[in-house]
């Protein structure tokens, strides 16, 4: 992103991090947002939507990548007495509240299973719901592989999302520009 924070990119005037956090909050369940130290801009982006459901936690060892967030999330979920932990990467701009709700519903049907969002064609993506039986293993993760070491021996129940929502990850300014152009064209086509 050449110095820009992709989680602060605006969609319909709302920073991506706040937009995605709001979409998860619509489930009415406790939400943890993990943040690197000195993330004042991200905290400010979230300020207007925070309520009693949301906990913000700084990751002391954020340089370890996604594993540090998942470890923190698993410990937090255990302390909450949660039945599962949904790992919702905030940089997937097409994932919306109805997608989070679909995964949540799949978890209620299959509470001990790993539930993973996929594309309409079945390509695995995110979000992913990790059941409580995996929390102990998740607290031991290291490196920047996320939950892959724990999930390699797990089958998952797919939760297909429309199109490529589960895998559309925008990591460059050019990717954001292309996404915005495609989104505007799609919006224009759907207008009467």
Protein backbone atom coordinates (compact mmCIF):
# COMPACT_ATOMS: atom_id res chain seq x y z
CA UNK A 1 0.00 0.00 0.00
CA UNK A 2 3.11 2.21 -0.09
CA UNK A 3 2.55 3.72 3.33
CA UNK A 4 -1.24 3.68 3.45
CA UNK A 5 -3.13 1.47 5.89
CA UNK A 6 -5.50 -0.73 3.89
CA UNK A 7 -7.75 -1.14 6.93
CA UNK A 8 -8.42 2.61 6.84
CA UNK A 9 -9.39 2.65 3.16
CA UNK A 10 -12.92 3.99 2.92
CA UNK A 11 -15.89 2.23 1.41
CA UNK A 12 -19.02 4.36 1.17
CA UNK A 13 -17.28 6.85 3.48
CA UNK A 14 -16.54 4.28 6.22
CA UNK A 15 -13.06 2.95 7.02
CA UNK A 16 -12.83 -0.75 6.13
CA UNK A 17 -11.96 -1.81 9.70
CA UNK A 18 -15.04 -0.05 11.11
CA UNK A 19 -17.24 -1.40 8.31
CA UNK A 20 -16.20 -5.00 8.89
CA UNK A 21 -16.35 -4.69 12.68
CA UNK A 22 -19.91 -3.33 12.41
CA UNK A 23 -20.87 -6.23 10.17
CA UNK A 24 -19.66 -8.74 12.78
CA UNK A 25 -21.32 -6.76 15.59
CA UNK A 26 -24.66 -7.29 13.82
CA UNK A 27 -24.50 -10.90 15.07
CA UNK A 28 -25.00 -9.63 18.63
CA UNK A 29 -22.06 -11.64 20.00
CA UNK A 30 -18.91 -10.41 21.75
CA UNK A 31 -16.31 -9.10 19.29
CA UNK A 32 -12.56 -8.84 19.79
CA UNK A 33 -10.52 -6.53 17.58
CA UNK A 34 -6.79 -7.18 17.83
CA UNK A 35 -4.55 -4.25 17.05
CA UNK A 36 -0.82 -3.70 16.85
CA UNK A 37 0.70 -1.32 19.38
CA UNK A 38 0.47 2.34 18.40
CA UNK A 39 -2.63 1.87 16.24
CA UNK A 40 -4.25 5.18 17.16
CA UNK A 41 -5.61 5.73 13.65
CA UNK A 42 -7.34 2.34 13.74
CA UNK A 43 -8.74 2.98 17.21
CA UNK A 44 -10.02 6.37 16.02
CA UNK A 45 -11.66 4.70 13.01
CA UNK A 46 -13.51 2.36 15.39
CA UNK A 47 -14.42 4.99 17.98
CA UNK A 48 -17.88 5.83 16.62
CA UNK A 49 -19.07 2.20 16.51
CA UNK A 50 -17.73 0.85 19.79
CA UNK A 51 -20.18 -0.54 22.31
CA UNK A 52 -20.24 -3.09 25.12
CA UNK A 53 -19.90 -6.01 22.67
CA UNK A 54 -16.51 -4.87 21.41
CA UNK A 55 -13.16 -5.41 23.10
CA UNK A 56 -10.00 -3.84 21.68
CA UNK A 57 -6.69 -5.51 22.56
CA UNK A 58 -3.18 -4.55 21.58
CA UNK A 59 -0.94 -7.37 20.43
CA UNK A 60 2.44 -6.99 22.10
CA UNK A 61 4.13 -9.27 19.57
CA UNK A 62 2.30 -8.23 16.40
CA UNK A 63 5.47 -8.84 14.37
CA UNK A 64 4.60 -12.56 14.64
CA UNK A 65 1.69 -11.93 12.30
CA UNK A 66 -1.70 -13.59 12.26
CA UNK A 67 -0.72 -16.30 14.76
CA UNK A 68 -0.33 -13.67 17.49
CA UNK A 69 -3.88 -12.43 16.84
CA UNK A 70 -5.30 -15.94 16.81
CA UNK A 71 -3.52 -16.86 20.06
CA UNK A 72 -4.94 -13.75 21.69
CA UNK A 73 -8.37 -14.47 20.25
CA UNK A 74 -8.37 -18.07 21.49
CA UNK A 75 -7.40 -17.01 25.00
CA UNK A 76 -10.06 -14.30 24.96
CA UNK A 77 -12.70 -16.74 23.64
CA UNK A 78 -11.86 -19.24 26.39
CA UNK A 79 -12.24 -16.49 29.01
CA UNK A 80 -15.63 -15.62 27.48
CA UNK A 81 -16.79 -19.25 27.61
CA UNK A 82 -17.35 -19.07 23.85
CA UNK A 83 -18.36 -22.11 21.83
CA UNK A 84 -16.22 -20.96 18.90
CA UNK A 85 -13.97 -18.24 17.56
CA UNK A 86 -14.70 -16.66 14.20
CA UNK A 87 -11.51 -15.39 12.57
CA UNK A 88 -12.72 -12.50 10.44
CA UNK A 89 -9.90 -10.88 8.51
CA UNK A 90 -10.88 -7.23 8.11
CA UNK A 91 -9.18 -6.79 4.74
CA UNK A 92 -11.79 -8.73 2.75
CA UNK A 93 -14.00 -5.84 1.60
CA UNK A 94 -16.69 -7.93 -0.10
CA UNK A 95 -17.56 -9.95 3.01
CA UNK A 96 -20.69 -8.46 4.56
CA UNK A 97 -23.04 -8.92 7.51
CA UNK A 98 -25.13 -11.55 5.72
CA UNK A 99 -21.97 -13.60 5.12
CA UNK A 100 -21.01 -13.47 8.80
CA UNK A 101 -24.60 -14.46 9.63
CA UNK A 102 -24.40 -17.46 7.26
CA UNK A 103 -21.25 -18.71 8.98
CA UNK A 104 -22.78 -18.14 12.40
CA UNK A 105 -25.86 -20.15 11.38
CA UNK A 106 -23.64 -22.98 10.08
CA UNK A 107 -21.84 -23.03 13.45
CA UNK A 108 -25.13 -23.35 15.30
CA UNK A 109 -25.94 -26.38 13.13
CA UNK A 110 -22.43 -27.90 13.46
CA UNK A 111 -21.00 -26.58 16.78
CA UNK A 112 -17.95 -28.87 16.88
CA UNK A 113 -16.92 -28.41 13.26
CA UNK A 114 -14.57 -26.00 11.55
CA UNK A 115 -16.70 -23.81 9.27
CA UNK A 116 -14.92 -22.08 6.43
CA UNK A 117 -16.19 -19.56 3.92
CA UNK A 118 -15.57 -20.51 0.31
CA UNK A 119 -16.12 -18.91 -3.05
CA UNK A 120 -19.22 -19.91 -4.99
CA UNK A 121 -16.96 -22.42 -6.79
CA UNK A 122 -15.63 -23.93 -3.55
CA UNK A 123 -12.22 -22.25 -3.12
CA UNK A 124 -11.48 -21.98 0.61
CA UNK A 125 -11.19 -18.48 2.02
CA UNK A 126 -12.32 -16.49 5.06
CA UNK A 127 -13.94 -16.00 7.54
CA UNK A 128 -13.35 -19.25 9.40
CA UNK A 129 -15.06 -20.49 12.56
CA UNK A 130 -12.88 -22.51 14.90
CA UNK A 131 -14.75 -24.58 17.53
CA UNK A 132 -13.87 -24.44 21.22
CA UNK A 133 -12.27 -27.91 21.09
CA UNK A 134 -9.37 -26.28 19.14
CA UNK A 135 -8.77 -23.35 21.50
CA UNK A 136 -5.92 -25.04 23.39
CA UNK A 137 -4.02 -25.78 20.17
CA UNK A 138 -4.70 -22.26 18.87
CA UNK A 139 -3.07 -20.73 21.95
CA UNK A 140 0.18 -22.50 20.97
CA UNK A 141 0.44 -21.14 17.41
CA UNK A 142 3.66 -19.46 16.28
CA UNK A 143 4.83 -17.80 13.10
CA UNK A 144 2.81 -16.07 10.40
CA UNK A 145 0.82 -19.07 9.15
CA UNK A 146 -2.36 -18.28 11.00
CA UNK A 147 -4.22 -21.41 12.08
CA UNK A 148 -2.87 -23.61 9.25
CA UNK A 149 -0.85 -25.91 11.56
CA UNK A 150 -3.99 -26.66 13.59
CA UNK A 151 -6.29 -26.93 10.60
CA UNK A 152 -4.11 -29.24 8.48
CA UNK A 153 -5.62 -32.31 10.16
CA UNK A 154 -9.16 -30.92 10.29
CA UNK A 155 -11.99 -31.38 7.82
CA UNK A 156 -14.13 -28.29 7.39
CA UNK A 157 -17.70 -27.61 6.46
CA UNK A 158 -17.80 -25.17 3.56
CA UNK A 159 -20.01 -22.12 3.72
CA UNK A 160 -20.20 -20.84 0.13
CA UNK A 161 -20.42 -17.07 -0.23
CA UNK A 162 -21.52 -15.41 -3.46
CA UNK A 163 -18.85 -14.85 -6.11
CA UNK A 164 -15.31 -14.40 -4.77
CA UNK A 165 -16.20 -12.62 -1.52
CA UNK A 166 -14.30 -15.15 0.59
CA UNK A 167 -10.99 -14.56 -1.22
CA UNK A 168 -11.04 -10.93 -2.40
CA UNK A 169 -8.09 -9.53 -0.44
CA UNK A 170 -6.79 -6.12 -1.49
CA UNK A 171 -3.15 -5.54 -0.60
CA UNK A 172 -2.04 -2.85 -3.06
CA UNK A 173 -3.26 0.58 -4.14
CA UNK A 174 -3.72 -0.82 -7.64
CA UNK A 175 -5.90 -3.66 -6.34
CA UNK A 176 -8.03 -1.15 -4.44
CA UNK A 177 -8.44 1.04 -7.51
CA UNK A 178 -9.43 -1.94 -9.68
CA UNK A 179 -11.89 -3.11 -7.01
CA UNK A 180 -13.47 0.34 -6.71
CA UNK A 181 -13.77 0.64 -10.50
CA UNK A 182 -15.43 -2.80 -10.76
CA UNK A 183 -17.74 -2.01 -7.84
CA UNK A 184 -18.82 1.30 -9.38
CA UNK A 185 -19.48 -0.39 -12.74
CA UNK A 186 -21.53 -3.13 -11.06
CA UNK A 187 -23.51 -0.53 -9.11
CA UNK A 188 -24.18 1.42 -12.29
CA UNK A 189 -25.43 -1.70 -14.08
CA UNK A 190 -27.86 -2.53 -11.27
CA UNK A 191 -29.51 0.91 -11.36
CA UNK A 192 -32.78 1.16 -13.32
